Amino acid sequence: MNKNALDQIIEDTFTHEPGFRLPDDFAQKVTARLKRRSQWKSDLSDYLNINAVVILILTFVGGTYYFINRTIVIQAITFISNNILAVGSLLLILNFILFADRVILPLLFNRWKINE
């Protein structure tokens, strides 16, 4: 592309009105969407970090008890394996409550606050 053709394209761009019109609150909508997206990522990473810390603590405590007194850990594993449905349901409900508290509710409240 030669220099004259490029100059002509730039001149046409500056002299003619574009074929579309952005809404007046376009910048606000874009920044609100970016803010929600970054909040979603940070809230989700916080939730995953909390889960990882809880799993690490339980593993550390279980390992410590295993070296101190193996019968306690064996009894706990037996209890969990005998009541797998109840324990699994309880863990699922607690995990969902944590997820809703840390991720879903802040996202919903900030979405309503931004749209006001």
C-alpha atoms as a PDB file:
ATOM      1  CA  MET A   1       0.000   0.000   0.000  1.00  0.00           C
ATOM      2  CA  ASN A   2       1.492   3.298  -0.991  1.00  0.00           C
ATOM      3  CA  LYS A   3       1.620   6.399   1.184  1.00  0.00           C
ATOM      4  CA  ASN A   4      -1.045   8.296  -0.807  1.00  0.00           C
ATOM      5  CA  ALA A   5      -3.608   5.500  -0.428  1.00  0.00           C
ATOM      6  CA  LEU A   6      -2.941   5.318   3.315  1.00  0.00           C
ATOM      7  CA  ASP A   7      -3.291   9.087   3.624  1.00  0.00           C
ATOM      8  CA  GLN A   8      -6.596   8.896   1.718  1.00  0.00           C
ATOM      9  CA  ILE A   9      -7.936   6.191   4.066  1.00  0.00           C
ATOM     10  CA  ILE A  10      -6.972   8.227   7.129  1.00  0.00           C
ATOM     11  CA  GLU A  11      -8.531  11.376   5.639  1.00  0.00           C
ATOM     12  CA  ASP A  12     -11.784   9.535   4.850  1.00  0.00           C
ATOM     13  CA  THR A  13     -11.864   8.119   8.374  1.00  0.00           C
ATOM     14  CA  PHE A  14     -11.591  11.528   9.980  1.00  0.00           C
ATOM     15  CA  THR A  15     -14.015  13.333   7.669  1.00  0.00           C
ATOM     16  CA  HIS A  16     -16.916  10.866   7.553  1.00  0.00           C
ATOM     17  CA  GLU A  17     -19.244   9.827  10.359  1.00  0.00           C
ATOM     18  CA  PRO A  18     -18.968   6.114  11.282  1.00  0.00           C
ATOM     19  CA  GLY A  19     -21.880   3.814  10.431  1.00  0.00           C
ATOM     20  CA  PHE A  20     -22.602   3.010  14.070  1.00  0.00           C
ATOM     21  CA  ARG A  21     -23.181   4.864  17.316  1.00  0.00           C
ATOM     22  CA  LEU A  22     -22.008   3.797  20.766  1.00  0.00           C
ATOM     23  CA  PRO A  23     -24.403   4.295  23.682  1.00  0.00           C
ATOM     24  CA  ASP A  24     -23.630   7.077  26.128  1.00  0.00           C
ATOM     25  CA  ASP A  25     -22.874   4.644  28.972  1.00  0.00           C
ATOM     26  CA  PHE A  26     -20.657   2.353  26.894  1.00  0.00           C
ATOM     27  CA  ALA A  27     -17.521   2.975  28.965  1.00  0.00           C
ATOM     28  CA  GLN A  28     -19.397   2.381  32.233  1.00  0.00           C
ATOM     29  CA  LYS A  29     -20.781  -0.929  30.959  1.00  0.00           C
ATOM     30  CA  VAL A  30     -17.366  -2.104  29.786  1.00  0.00           C
ATOM     31  CA  THR A  31     -15.664  -1.219  33.079  1.00  0.00           C
ATOM     32  CA  ALA A  32     -18.498  -2.832  35.078  1.00  0.00           C
ATOM     33  CA  ARG A  33     -18.162  -6.027  33.048  1.00  0.00           C
ATOM     34  CA  LEU A  34     -14.383  -6.070  33.506  1.00  0.00           C
ATOM     35  CA  LYS A  35     -14.794  -5.437  37.223  1.00  0.00           C
ATOM     36  CA  ARG A  36     -17.284  -8.317  37.549  1.00  0.00           C
ATOM     37  CA  ARG A  37     -14.999 -10.646  35.593  1.00  0.00           C
ATOM     38  CA  SER A  38     -11.968  -9.845  37.738  1.00  0.00           C
ATOM     39  CA  GLN A  39     -14.069 -10.172  40.890  1.00  0.00           C
ATOM     40  CA  TRP A  40     -15.337 -13.576  39.695  1.00  0.00           C
ATOM     41  CA  LYS A  41     -11.763 -14.770  39.145  1.00  0.00           C
ATOM     42  CA  SER A  42     -10.522 -13.522  42.507  1.00  0.00           C
ATOM     43  CA  ASP A  43     -13.544 -14.902  44.403  1.00  0.00           C
ATOM     44  CA  LEU A  44     -13.194 -18.281  42.715  1.00  0.00           C
ATOM     45  CA  SER A  45      -9.470 -18.448  43.468  1.00  0.00           C
ATOM     46  CA  ASP A  46     -10.187 -17.520  47.118  1.00  0.00           C
ATOM     47  CA  TYR A  47     -12.756 -20.325  47.314  1.00  0.00           C
ATOM     48  CA  LEU A  48     -10.322 -22.841  45.821  1.00  0.00           C
ATOM     49  CA  ASN A  49      -7.552 -21.682  48.160  1.00  0.00           C
ATOM     50  CA  ILE A  50      -9.816 -22.129  51.190  1.00  0.00           C
ATOM     51  CA  ASN A  51     -10.686 -25.651  50.026  1.00  0.00           C
ATOM     52  CA  ALA A  52      -7.008 -26.453  49.526  1.00  0.00           C
ATOM     53  CA  VAL A  53      -6.096 -25.148  52.989  1.00  0.00           C
ATOM     54  CA  VAL A  54      -8.873 -27.174  54.640  1.00  0.00           C
ATOM     55  CA  ILE A  55      -7.774 -30.336  52.804  1.00  0.00           C
ATOM     56  CA  LEU A  56      -4.145 -29.740  53.784  1.00  0.00           C
ATOM     57  CA  ILE A  57      -5.076 -29.188  57.435  1.00  0.00           C
ATOM     58  CA  LEU A  58      -7.204 -32.346  57.498  1.00  0.00           C
ATOM     59  CA  THR A  59      -4.397 -34.308  55.866  1.00  0.00           C
ATOM     60  CA  PHE A  60      -1.842 -32.969  58.340  1.00  0.00           C
ATOM     61  CA  VAL A  61      -4.066 -33.699  61.353  1.00  0.00           C
ATOM     62  CA  GLY A  62      -4.922 -37.163  60.023  1.00  0.00           C
ATOM     63  CA  GLY A  63      -1.264 -37.946  59.387  1.00  0.00           C
ATOM     64  CA  THR A  64      -0.296 -36.743  62.836  1.00  0.00           C
ATOM     65  CA  TYR A  65      -2.990 -38.862  64.465  1.00  0.00           C
ATOM     66  CA  TYR A  66      -1.944 -41.816  62.317  1.00  0.00           C
ATOM     67  CA  PHE A  67       1.597 -41.675  63.678  1.00  0.00           C
ATOM     68  CA  ILE A  68       0.412 -41.092  67.260  1.00  0.00           C
ATOM     69  CA  ASN A  69      -2.475 -43.554  67.447  1.00  0.00           C
ATOM     70  CA  ARG A  70      -3.440 -45.553  64.357  1.00  0.00           C
ATOM     71  CA  THR A  71      -6.655 -46.915  65.846  1.00  0.00           C
ATOM     72  CA  ILE A  72      -8.277 -43.456  65.867  1.00  0.00           C
ATOM     73  CA  VAL A  73      -7.619 -42.998  62.151  1.00  0.00           C
ATOM     74  CA  ILE A  74      -8.750 -46.548  61.345  1.00  0.00           C
ATOM     75  CA  GLN A  75     -11.977 -45.977  63.327  1.00  0.00           C
ATOM     76  CA  ALA A  76     -12.570 -42.684  61.503  1.00  0.00           C
ATOM     77  CA  ILE A  77     -12.014 -44.307  58.102  1.00  0.00           C
ATOM     78  CA  THR A  78     -14.322 -47.170  59.070  1.00  0.00           C
ATOM     79  CA  PHE A  79     -17.005 -44.707  60.177  1.00  0.00           C
ATOM     80  CA  ILE A  80     -16.713 -42.724  56.947  1.00  0.00           C
ATOM     81  CA  SER A  81     -16.814 -45.847  54.769  1.00  0.00           C
ATOM     82  CA  ASN A  82     -19.859 -47.209  56.629  1.00  0.00           C
ATOM     83  CA  ASN A  83     -21.709 -43.881  56.351  1.00  0.00           C
ATOM     84  CA  ILE A  84     -20.425 -42.722  52.971  1.00  0.00           C
ATOM     85  CA  LEU A  85     -23.768 -41.337  51.792  1.00  0.00           C
ATOM     86  CA  ALA A  86     -24.380 -39.211  54.892  1.00  0.00           C
ATOM     87  CA  VAL A  87     -20.799 -37.959  55.106  1.00  0.00           C
ATOM     88  CA  GLY A  88     -20.666 -37.233  51.376  1.00  0.00           C
ATOM     89  CA  SER A  89     -23.974 -35.381  51.480  1.00  0.00           C
ATOM     90  CA  LEU A  90     -22.850 -33.316  54.446  1.00  0.00           C
ATOM     91  CA  LEU A  91     -19.556 -32.421  52.739  1.00  0.00           C
ATOM     92  CA  LEU A  92     -21.385 -31.533  49.527  1.00  0.00           C
ATOM     93  CA  ILE A  93     -23.835 -29.261  51.361  1.00  0.00           C
ATOM     94  CA  LEU A  94     -21.066 -27.549  53.350  1.00  0.00           C
ATOM     95  CA  ASN A  95     -18.994 -27.066  50.197  1.00  0.00           C
ATOM     96  CA  PHE A  96     -21.977 -25.583  48.364  1.00  0.00           C
ATOM     97  CA  ILE A  97     -22.653 -23.185  51.263  1.00  0.00           C
ATOM     98  CA  LEU A  98     -19.017 -22.078  51.171  1.00  0.00           C
ATOM     99  CA  PHE A  99     -19.182 -21.659  47.376  1.00  0.00           C
ATOM    100  CA  ALA A 100     -22.382 -19.637  47.585  1.00  0.00           C
ATOM    101  CA  ASP A 101     -21.002 -17.481  50.391  1.00  0.00           C
ATOM    102  CA  ARG A 102     -17.618 -16.795  48.795  1.00  0.00           C
ATOM    103  CA  VAL A 103     -18.451 -16.668  45.071  1.00  0.00           C
ATOM    104  CA  ILE A 104     -22.120 -16.419  44.121  1.00  0.00           C
ATOM    105  CA  LEU A 105     -23.459 -13.932  46.675  1.00  0.00           C
ATOM    106  CA  PRO A 106     -20.707 -11.287  46.254  1.00  0.00           C
ATOM    107  CA  LEU A 107     -21.111 -11.524  42.490  1.00  0.00           C
ATOM    108  CA  LEU A 108     -24.887 -11.038  42.686  1.00  0.00           C
ATOM    109  CA  PHE A 109     -24.751  -8.185  45.189  1.00  0.00           C
ATOM    110  CA  ASN A 110     -22.126  -6.300  43.197  1.00  0.00           C
ATOM    111  CA  ARG A 111     -24.079  -6.821  39.985  1.00  0.00           C
ATOM    112  CA  TRP A 112     -27.157  -5.207  41.508  1.00  0.00           C
ATOM    113  CA  LYS A 113     -25.088  -2.403  42.984  1.00  0.00           C
ATOM    114  CA  ILE A 114     -23.456  -1.614  39.628  1.00  0.00           C
ATOM    115  CA  ASN A 115     -26.759  -1.547  37.713  1.00  0.00           C
ATOM    116  CA  GLU A 116     -28.406   0.982  40.069  1.00  0.00           C
END
